[in-house]
PDB file of N, CA and C in Angstrom:
ATOM      1  N   MET A   1     -32.223  33.278  36.275  1.00  0.00           N
ATOM      2  CA  MET A   1     -31.367  32.362  37.004  1.00  0.00           C
ATOM      3  C   MET A   1     -30.217  31.996  36.098  1.00  0.00           C
ATOM      4  N   LEU A   2     -29.071  32.012  36.597  1.00  0.00           N
ATOM      5  CA  LEU A   2     -27.845  31.641  35.851  1.00  0.00           C
ATOM      6  C   LEU A   2     -27.830  30.154  35.603  1.00  0.00           C
ATOM      7  N   PRO A   3     -27.286  29.711  34.502  1.00  0.00           N
ATOM      8  CA  PRO A   3     -27.305  28.272  34.134  1.00  0.00           C
ATOM      9  C   PRO A   3     -26.344  27.407  35.012  1.00  0.00           C
ATOM     10  N   PHE A   4     -25.324  28.159  35.589  1.00  0.00           N
ATOM     11  CA  PHE A   4     -24.405  27.377  36.460  1.00  0.00           C
ATOM     12  C   PHE A   4     -23.700  28.370  37.410  1.00  0.00           C
ATOM     13  N   ARG A   5     -23.098  27.783  38.382  1.00  0.00           N
ATOM     14  CA  ARG A   5     -22.278  28.497  39.367  1.00  0.00           C
ATOM     15  C   ARG A   5     -21.030  27.662  39.699  1.00  0.00           C
ATOM     16  N   SER A   6     -19.907  28.310  39.794  1.00  0.00           N
ATOM     17  CA  SER A   6     -18.671  27.533  40.111  1.00  0.00           C
ATOM     18  C   SER A   6     -18.013  28.132  41.318  1.00  0.00           C
ATOM     19  N   GLU A   7     -17.331  27.188  42.010  1.00  0.00           N
ATOM     20  CA  GLU A   7     -16.641  27.618  43.254  1.00  0.00           C
ATOM     21  C   GLU A   7     -15.324  26.815  43.335  1.00  0.00           C
ATOM     22  N   ILE A   8     -14.264  27.483  43.843  1.00  0.00           N
ATOM     23  CA  ILE A   8     -13.056  26.732  44.192  1.00  0.00           C
ATOM     24  C   ILE A   8     -13.181  26.293  45.621  1.00  0.00           C
ATOM     25  N   ARG A   9     -12.895  25.060  45.832  1.00  0.00           N
ATOM     26  CA  ARG A   9     -12.869  24.525  47.240  1.00  0.00           C
ATOM     27  C   ARG A   9     -11.430  24.158  47.561  1.00  0.00           C
ATOM     28  N   ASN A  10     -10.909  24.821  48.548  1.00  0.00           N
ATOM     29  CA  ASN A  10      -9.470  24.588  48.968  1.00  0.00           C
ATOM     30  C   ASN A  10      -9.385  23.653  50.068  1.00  0.00           C
ATOM     31  N   SER A  11      -9.441  22.386  49.732  1.00  0.00           N
ATOM     32  CA  SER A  11      -9.227  21.361  50.769  1.00  0.00           C
ATOM     33  C   SER A  11      -7.735  21.097  50.915  1.00  0.00           C
ATOM     34  N   PRO A  12      -7.315  20.693  52.153  1.00  0.00           N
ATOM     35  CA  PRO A  12      -5.912  20.512  52.353  1.00  0.00           C
ATOM     36  C   PRO A  12      -5.270  19.418  51.486  1.00  0.00           C
ATOM     37  N   SER A  13      -6.085  18.370  51.184  1.00  0.00           N
ATOM     38  CA  SER A  13      -5.537  17.234  50.392  1.00  0.00           C
ATOM     39  C   SER A  13      -5.556  17.531  48.928  1.00  0.00           C
ATOM     40  N   HIS A  14      -6.607  18.127  48.395  1.00  0.00           N
ATOM     41  CA  HIS A  14      -6.648  18.323  46.977  1.00  0.00           C
ATOM     42  C   HIS A  14      -7.692  19.402  46.676  1.00  0.00           C
ATOM     43  N   PRO A  15      -7.238  20.594  46.223  1.00  0.00           N
ATOM     44  CA  PRO A  15      -8.223  21.630  45.904  1.00  0.00           C
ATOM     45  C   PRO A  15      -9.086  21.179  44.685  1.00  0.00           C
ATOM     46  N   THR A  16     -10.331  21.573  44.680  1.00  0.00           N
ATOM     47  CA  THR A  16     -11.237  21.156  43.607  1.00  0.00           C
ATOM     48  C   THR A  16     -12.051  22.395  43.143  1.00  0.00           C
ATOM     49  N   ILE A  17     -12.697  22.207  42.011  1.00  0.00           N
ATOM     50  CA  ILE A  17     -13.648  23.175  41.494  1.00  0.00           C
ATOM     51  C   ILE A  17     -15.007  22.476  41.494  1.00  0.00           C
ATOM     52  N   LYS A  18     -15.970  23.111  42.102  1.00  0.00           N
ATOM     53  CA  LYS A  18     -17.348  22.551  42.071  1.00  0.00           C
ATOM     54  C   LYS A  18     -18.201  23.378  41.128  1.00  0.00           C
ATOM     55  N   ILE A  19     -18.986  22.629  40.323  1.00  0.00           N
ATOM     56  CA  ILE A  19     -19.935  23.252  39.397  1.00  0.00           C
ATOM     57  C   ILE A  19     -21.343  22.837  39.842  1.00  0.00           C
ATOM     58  N   PHE A  20     -22.191  23.875  40.043  1.00  0.00           N
ATOM     59  CA  PHE A  20     -23.575  23.667  40.409  1.00  0.00           C
ATOM     60  C   PHE A  20     -24.436  24.127  39.207  1.00  0.00           C
ATOM     61  N   LEU A  21     -25.198  23.189  38.597  1.00  0.00           N
ATOM     62  CA  LEU A  21     -26.044  23.521  37.448  1.00  0.00           C
ATOM     63  C   LEU A  21     -27.482  23.819  37.853  1.00  0.00           C
ATOM     64  N   SER A  22     -28.057  24.759  37.179  1.00  0.00           N
ATOM     65  CA  SER A  22     -29.441  25.076  37.512  1.00  0.00           C
ATOM     66  C   SER A  22     -30.381  23.989  36.972  1.00  0.00           C
ATOM     67  N   ASP A  23     -29.962  23.302  35.919  1.00  0.00           N
ATOM     68  CA  ASP A  23     -30.715  22.139  35.330  1.00  0.00           C
ATOM     69  C   ASP A  23     -29.986  20.842  35.499  1.00  0.00           C
ATOM     70  N   GLU A  24     -30.411  20.108  36.515  1.00  0.00           N
ATOM     71  CA  GLU A  24     -29.759  18.852  36.871  1.00  0.00           C
ATOM     72  C   GLU A  24     -29.713  17.849  35.736  1.00  0.00           C
ATOM     73  N   ALA A  25     -30.654  17.968  34.788  1.00  0.00           N
ATOM     74  CA  ALA A  25     -30.658  17.043  33.672  1.00  0.00           C
ATOM     75  C   ALA A  25     -29.427  17.193  32.768  1.00  0.00           C
ATOM     76  N   LEU A  26     -28.750  18.325  32.844  1.00  0.00           N
ATOM     77  CA  LEU A  26     -27.528  18.582  32.074  1.00  0.00           C
ATOM     78  C   LEU A  26     -26.257  18.014  32.680  1.00  0.00           C
ATOM     79  N   VAL A  27     -26.331  17.561  33.910  1.00  0.00           N
ATOM     80  CA  VAL A  27     -25.106  17.135  34.622  1.00  0.00           C
ATOM     81  C   VAL A  27     -24.288  16.146  33.790  1.00  0.00           C
ATOM     82  N   PRO A  28     -24.905  15.026  33.252  1.00  0.00           N
ATOM     83  CA  PRO A  28     -24.000  14.082  32.506  1.00  0.00           C
ATOM     84  C   PRO A  28     -23.377  14.723  31.230  1.00  0.00           C
ATOM     85  N   ARG A  29     -24.139  15.594  30.548  1.00  0.00           N
ATOM     86  CA  ARG A  29     -23.597  16.278  29.386  1.00  0.00           C
ATOM     87  C   ARG A  29     -22.432  17.202  29.684  1.00  0.00           C
ATOM     88  N   ILE A  30     -22.586  17.980  30.788  1.00  0.00           N
ATOM     89  CA  ILE A  30     -21.521  18.897  31.151  1.00  0.00           C
ATOM     90  C   ILE A  30     -20.358  18.102  31.709  1.00  0.00           C
ATOM     91  N   LYS A  31     -20.604  17.029  32.415  1.00  0.00           N
ATOM     92  CA  LYS A  31     -19.429  16.188  32.807  1.00  0.00           C
ATOM     93  C   LYS A  31     -18.647  15.691  31.620  1.00  0.00           C
ATOM     94  N   LYS A  32     -19.329  15.241  30.600  1.00  0.00           N
ATOM     95  CA  LYS A  32     -18.614  14.866  29.369  1.00  0.00           C
ATOM     96  C   LYS A  32     -17.801  15.987  28.745  1.00  0.00           C
ATOM     97  N   HIS A  33     -18.381  17.096  28.708  1.00  0.00           N
ATOM     98  CA  HIS A  33     -17.689  18.316  28.181  1.00  0.00           C
ATOM     99  C   HIS A  33     -16.475  18.664  28.997  1.00  0.00           C
ATOM    100  N   LEU A  34     -16.562  18.555  30.299  1.00  0.00           N
ATOM    101  CA  LEU A  34     -15.375  18.888  31.160  1.00  0.00           C
ATOM    102  C   LEU A  34     -14.301  17.832  31.163  1.00  0.00           C
ATOM    103  N   ASP A  35     -14.633  16.617  30.807  1.00  0.00           N
ATOM    104  CA  ASP A  35     -13.642  15.536  30.734  1.00  0.00           C
ATOM    105  C   ASP A  35     -12.623  15.795  29.641  1.00  0.00           C
ATOM    106  N   HIS A  36     -12.871  16.678  28.696  1.00  0.00           N
ATOM    107  CA  HIS A  36     -11.970  16.912  27.615  1.00  0.00           C
ATOM    108  C   HIS A  36     -10.829  17.921  27.890  1.00  0.00           C
ATOM    109  N   PHE A  37     -10.920  18.598  29.088  1.00  0.00           N
ATOM    110  CA  PHE A  37      -9.885  19.529  29.428  1.00  0.00           C
ATOM    111  C   PHE A  37      -8.599  18.750  29.737  1.00  0.00           C
ATOM    112  N   ASP A  38      -7.440  19.273  29.210  1.00  0.00           N
ATOM    113  CA  ASP A  38      -6.166  18.614  29.380  1.00  0.00           C
ATOM    114  C   ASP A  38      -5.694  18.520  30.863  1.00  0.00           C
ATOM    115  N   ASP A  39      -5.990  19.584  31.644  1.00  0.00           N
ATOM    116  CA  ASP A  39      -5.527  19.614  33.031  1.00  0.00           C
ATOM    117  C   ASP A  39      -6.527  19.041  34.011  1.00  0.00           C
ATOM    118  N   VAL A  40      -7.624  18.480  33.542  1.00  0.00           N
ATOM    119  CA  VAL A  40      -8.603  17.874  34.406  1.00  0.00           C
ATOM    120  C   VAL A  40      -8.236  16.374  34.581  1.00  0.00           C
ATOM    121  N   GLU A  41      -8.008  15.965  35.801  1.00  0.00           N
ATOM    122  CA  GLU A  41      -7.674  14.563  36.066  1.00  0.00           C
ATOM    123  C   GLU A  41      -8.960  13.722  36.112  1.00  0.00           C
ATOM    124  N   LEU A  42     -10.038  14.292  36.807  1.00  0.00           N
ATOM    125  CA  LEU A  42     -11.231  13.511  37.059  1.00  0.00           C
ATOM    126  C   LEU A  42     -12.347  14.463  37.324  1.00  0.00           C
ATOM    127  N   VAL A  43     -13.578  14.089  36.842  1.00  0.00           N
ATOM    128  CA  VAL A  43     -14.833  14.811  37.092  1.00  0.00           C
ATOM    129  C   VAL A  43     -15.774  13.859  37.701  1.00  0.00           C
ATOM    130  N   GLU A  44     -16.290  14.125  38.900  1.00  0.00           N
ATOM    131  CA  GLU A  44     -17.220  13.232  39.580  1.00  0.00           C
ATOM    132  C   GLU A  44     -18.547  13.938  39.740  1.00  0.00           C
ATOM    133  N   ILE A  45     -19.631  13.140  39.644  1.00  0.00           N
ATOM    134  CA  ILE A  45     -20.923  13.653  39.954  1.00  0.00           C
ATOM    135  C   ILE A  45     -21.177  13.270  41.417  1.00  0.00           C
ATOM    136  N   ARG A  46     -21.467  14.289  42.237  1.00  0.00           N
ATOM    137  CA  ARG A  46     -21.648  14.055  43.680  1.00  0.00           C
ATOM    138  C   ARG A  46     -23.001  14.687  44.096  1.00  0.00           C
ATOM    139  N   LYS A  47     -23.472  14.137  45.183  1.00  0.00           N
ATOM    140  CA  LYS A  47     -24.694  14.663  45.830  1.00  0.00           C
ATOM    141  C   LYS A  47     -24.294  15.885  46.600  1.00  0.00           C
ATOM    142  N   THR A  48     -25.137  16.898  46.548  1.00  0.00           N
ATOM    143  CA  THR A  48     -24.904  18.090  47.289  1.00  0.00           C
ATOM    144  C   THR A  48     -25.783  18.086  48.577  1.00  0.00           C
ATOM    145  N   TYR A  49     -25.110  18.354  49.636  1.00  0.00           N
ATOM    146  CA  TYR A  49     -25.839  18.393  50.928  1.00  0.00           C
ATOM    147  C   TYR A  49     -25.744  19.867  51.463  1.00  0.00           C
ATOM    148  N   GLY A  50     -26.824  20.396  51.658  1.00  0.00           N
ATOM    149  CA  GLY A  50     -26.885  21.760  52.228  1.00  0.00           C
ATOM    150  C   GLY A  50     -28.180  22.460  51.891  1.00  0.00           C
ATOM    151  N   ARG A  51     -28.415  23.478  52.526  1.00  0.00           N
ATOM    152  CA  ARG A  51     -29.714  24.177  52.393  1.00  0.00           C
ATOM    153  C   ARG A  51     -29.637  25.053  51.079  1.00  0.00           C
ATOM    154  N   ASN A  52     -30.766  25.057  50.344  1.00  0.00           N
ATOM    155  CA  ASN A  52     -30.872  25.856  49.119  1.00  0.00           C
ATOM    156  C   ASN A  52     -29.805  25.546  48.113  1.00  0.00           C
ATOM    157  N   ARG A  53     -29.450  24.247  47.982  1.00  0.00           N
ATOM    158  CA  ARG A  53     -28.457  23.825  46.972  1.00  0.00           C
ATOM    159  C   ARG A  53     -29.140  22.829  45.971  1.00  0.00           C
ATOM    160  N   GLU A  54     -28.516  22.721  44.829  1.00  0.00           N
ATOM    161  CA  GLU A  54     -29.005  21.793  43.864  1.00  0.00           C
ATOM    162  C   GLU A  54     -28.748  20.371  44.375  1.00  0.00           C
ATOM    163  N   GLY A  55     -29.374  19.367  43.834  1.00  0.00           N
ATOM    164  CA  GLY A  55     -29.208  17.957  44.298  1.00  0.00           C
ATOM    165  C   GLY A  55     -27.857  17.363  43.966  1.00  0.00           C
ATOM    166  N   ASP A  56     -27.319  17.658  42.742  1.00  0.00           N
ATOM    167  CA  ASP A  56     -26.061  17.077  42.332  1.00  0.00           C
ATOM    168  C   ASP A  56     -25.102  18.231  41.966  1.00  0.00           C
ATOM    169  N   ASN A  57     -23.828  17.935  42.083  1.00  0.00           N
ATOM    170  CA  ASN A  57     -22.840  18.898  41.550  1.00  0.00           C
ATOM    171  C   ASN A  57     -21.717  18.128  40.870  1.00  0.00           C
ATOM    172  N   LEU A  58     -20.913  18.828  40.121  1.00  0.00           N
ATOM    173  CA  LEU A  58     -19.749  18.221  39.495  1.00  0.00           C
ATOM    174  C   LEU A  58     -18.593  18.686  40.252  1.00  0.00           C
ATOM    175  N   THR A  59     -17.732  17.743  40.691  1.00  0.00           N
ATOM    176  CA  THR A  59     -16.519  18.065  41.374  1.00  0.00           C
ATOM    177  C   THR A  59     -15.391  17.746  40.423  1.00  0.00           C
ATOM    178  N   ILE A  60     -14.594  18.741  40.179  1.00  0.00           N
ATOM    179  CA  ILE A  60     -13.482  18.640  39.221  1.00  0.00           C
ATOM    180  C   ILE A  60     -12.117  18.535  39.986  1.00  0.00           C
ATOM    181  N   PHE A  61     -11.437  17.516  39.776  1.00  0.00           N
ATOM    182  CA  PHE A  61     -10.044  17.353  40.350  1.00  0.00           C
ATOM    183  C   PHE A  61      -9.058  17.606  39.234  1.00  0.00           C
ATOM    184  N   LEU A  62      -8.115  18.428  39.515  1.00  0.00           N
ATOM    185  CA  LEU A  62      -7.111  18.844  38.532  1.00  0.00           C
ATOM    186  C   LEU A  62      -5.796  18.050  38.706  1.00  0.00           C
ATOM    187  N   LYS A  63      -5.043  18.007  37.649  1.00  0.00           N
ATOM    188  CA  LYS A  63      -3.709  17.381  37.712  1.00  0.00           C
ATOM    189  C   LYS A  63      -2.866  18.270  38.601  1.00  0.00           C
ATOM    190  N   ASP A  64      -1.790  17.655  39.166  1.00  0.00           N
ATOM    191  CA  ASP A  64      -0.947  18.339  40.161  1.00  0.00           C
ATOM    192  C   ASP A  64      -0.333  19.669  39.689  1.00  0.00           C
ATOM    193  N   HIS A  65       0.033  19.776  38.444  1.00  0.00           N
ATOM    194  CA  HIS A  65       0.715  20.964  37.914  1.00  0.00           C
ATOM    195  C   HIS A  65      -0.231  22.105  37.547  1.00  0.00           C
ATOM    196  N   ALA A  66      -1.541  21.857  37.522  1.00  0.00           N
ATOM    197  CA  ALA A  66      -2.554  22.845  37.048  1.00  0.00           C
ATOM    198  C   ALA A  66      -2.687  24.009  37.994  1.00  0.00           C
ATOM    199  N   ASP A  67      -2.885  25.174  37.487  1.00  0.00           N
ATOM    200  CA  ASP A  67      -3.201  26.368  38.242  1.00  0.00           C
ATOM    201  C   ASP A  67      -4.737  26.425  38.472  1.00  0.00           C
ATOM    202  N   ILE A  68      -5.183  26.266  39.641  1.00  0.00           N
ATOM    203  CA  ILE A  68      -6.660  26.105  39.887  1.00  0.00           C
ATOM    204  C   ILE A  68      -7.427  27.431  39.461  1.00  0.00           C
ATOM    205  N   THR A  69      -6.828  28.584  39.732  1.00  0.00           N
ATOM    206  CA  THR A  69      -7.513  29.843  39.374  1.00  0.00           C
ATOM    207  C   THR A  69      -7.633  29.981  37.846  1.00  0.00           C
ATOM    208  N   LYS A  70      -6.578  29.675  37.120  1.00  0.00           N
ATOM    209  CA  LYS A  70      -6.648  29.746  35.652  1.00  0.00           C
ATOM    210  C   LYS A  70      -7.611  28.693  35.116  1.00  0.00           C
ATOM    211  N   MET A  71      -7.637  27.522  35.669  1.00  0.00           N
ATOM    212  CA  MET A  71      -8.588  26.497  35.264  1.00  0.00           C
ATOM    213  C   MET A  71      -9.998  26.841  35.570  1.00  0.00           C
ATOM    214  N   LYS A  72     -10.300  27.429  36.644  1.00  0.00           N
ATOM    215  CA  LYS A  72     -11.677  27.855  36.971  1.00  0.00           C
ATOM    216  C   LYS A  72     -12.086  28.905  35.864  1.00  0.00           C
ATOM    217  N   SER A  73     -11.244  29.826  35.613  1.00  0.00           N
ATOM    218  CA  SER A  73     -11.546  30.853  34.597  1.00  0.00           C
ATOM    219  C   SER A  73     -11.812  30.236  33.234  1.00  0.00           C
ATOM    220  N   SER A  74     -10.939  29.283  32.862  1.00  0.00           N
ATOM    221  CA  SER A  74     -11.113  28.574  31.581  1.00  0.00           C
ATOM    222  C   SER A  74     -12.388  27.788  31.547  1.00  0.00           C
ATOM    223  N   ILE A  75     -12.660  27.047  32.604  1.00  0.00           N
ATOM    224  CA  ILE A  75     -13.868  26.277  32.650  1.00  0.00           C
ATOM    225  C   ILE A  75     -15.097  27.157  32.602  1.00  0.00           C
ATOM    226  N   ASP A  76     -15.112  28.264  33.369  1.00  0.00           N
ATOM    227  CA  ASP A  76     -16.202  29.161  33.334  1.00  0.00           C
ATOM    228  C   ASP A  76     -16.473  29.734  31.905  1.00  0.00           C
ATOM    229  N   SER A  77     -15.377  30.136  31.272  1.00  0.00           N
ATOM    230  CA  SER A  77     -15.527  30.688  29.914  1.00  0.00           C
ATOM    231  C   SER A  77     -16.101  29.595  28.990  1.00  0.00           C
ATOM    232  N   SER A  78     -15.623  28.402  29.084  1.00  0.00           N
ATOM    233  CA  SER A  78     -16.100  27.316  28.263  1.00  0.00           C
ATOM    234  C   SER A  78     -17.588  27.032  28.532  1.00  0.00           C
ATOM    235  N   LEU A  79     -17.958  27.093  29.752  1.00  0.00           N
ATOM    236  CA  LEU A  79     -19.376  26.814  30.080  1.00  0.00           C
ATOM    237  C   LEU A  79     -20.292  27.903  29.607  1.00  0.00           C
ATOM    238  N   TRP A  80     -19.829  29.169  29.690  1.00  0.00           N
ATOM    239  CA  TRP A  80     -20.653  30.274  29.160  1.00  0.00           C
ATOM    240  C   TRP A  80     -20.833  30.101  27.637  1.00  0.00           C
ATOM    241  N   TRP A  81     -19.725  29.774  27.002  1.00  0.00           N
ATOM    242  CA  TRP A  81     -19.852  29.516  25.528  1.00  0.00           C
ATOM    243  C   TRP A  81     -20.804  28.291  25.287  1.00  0.00           C
ATOM    244  N   TYR A  82     -20.657  27.270  26.029  1.00  0.00           N
ATOM    245  CA  TYR A  82     -21.534  26.056  25.861  1.00  0.00           C
ATOM    246  C   TYR A  82     -22.957  26.415  26.021  1.00  0.00           C
ATOM    247  N   PHE A  83     -23.292  27.182  27.052  1.00  0.00           N
ATOM    248  CA  PHE A  83     -24.729  27.518  27.231  1.00  0.00           C
ATOM    249  C   PHE A  83     -25.221  28.495  26.218  1.00  0.00           C
ATOM    250  N   GLU A  84     -24.462  29.448  25.795  1.00  0.00           N
ATOM    251  CA  GLU A  84     -24.825  30.318  24.736  1.00  0.00           C
ATOM    252  C   GLU A  84     -25.090  29.565  23.410  1.00  0.00           C
ATOM    253  N   GLU A  85     -24.252  28.658  23.062  1.00  0.00           N
ATOM    254  CA  GLU A  85     -24.467  27.845  21.848  1.00  0.00           C
ATOM    255  C   GLU A  85     -25.632  27.030  21.964  1.00  0.00           C
ATOM    256  N   ASP A  86     -25.904  26.449  23.197  1.00  0.00           N
ATOM    257  CA  ASP A  86     -27.087  25.610  23.403  1.00  0.00           C
ATOM    258  C   ASP A  86     -28.352  26.405  23.301  1.00  0.00           C
ATOM    259  N   LEU A  87     -28.323  27.660  23.729  1.00  0.00           N
ATOM    260  CA  LEU A  87     -29.489  28.499  23.669  1.00  0.00           C
ATOM    261  C   LEU A  87     -29.831  28.895  22.214  1.00  0.00           C
ATOM    262  N   VAL A  88     -28.777  28.989  21.376  1.00  0.00           N
ATOM    263  CA  VAL A  88     -28.944  29.385  19.989  1.00  0.00           C
ATOM    264  C   VAL A  88     -29.521  28.240  19.191  1.00  0.00           C
ATOM    265  N   ASP A  89     -29.188  27.038  19.502  1.00  0.00           N
ATOM    266  CA  ASP A  89     -29.702  25.875  18.758  1.00  0.00           C
ATOM    267  C   ASP A  89     -31.190  25.684  18.784  1.00  0.00           C
TER     268      ASP A  89
END
């Protein structure tokens, strides 16, 4: 099982990136990690509603000038690095 999954959600008011973690205990730690990105305006922990979904997800709101596709790629890379480092420790 992968440690996380990310999705771009294109809402009309504000596109977001959603992060679904396989280990919900890591949600607060990953939120703190994501708060340090320059183009991230806000990271919220939200309940997930839906079949076969994790209980909580992280919803990332970007600043207006940010490119959502590039930020998703950057966040994904950072999270892969984060989980690889965590597995080595």
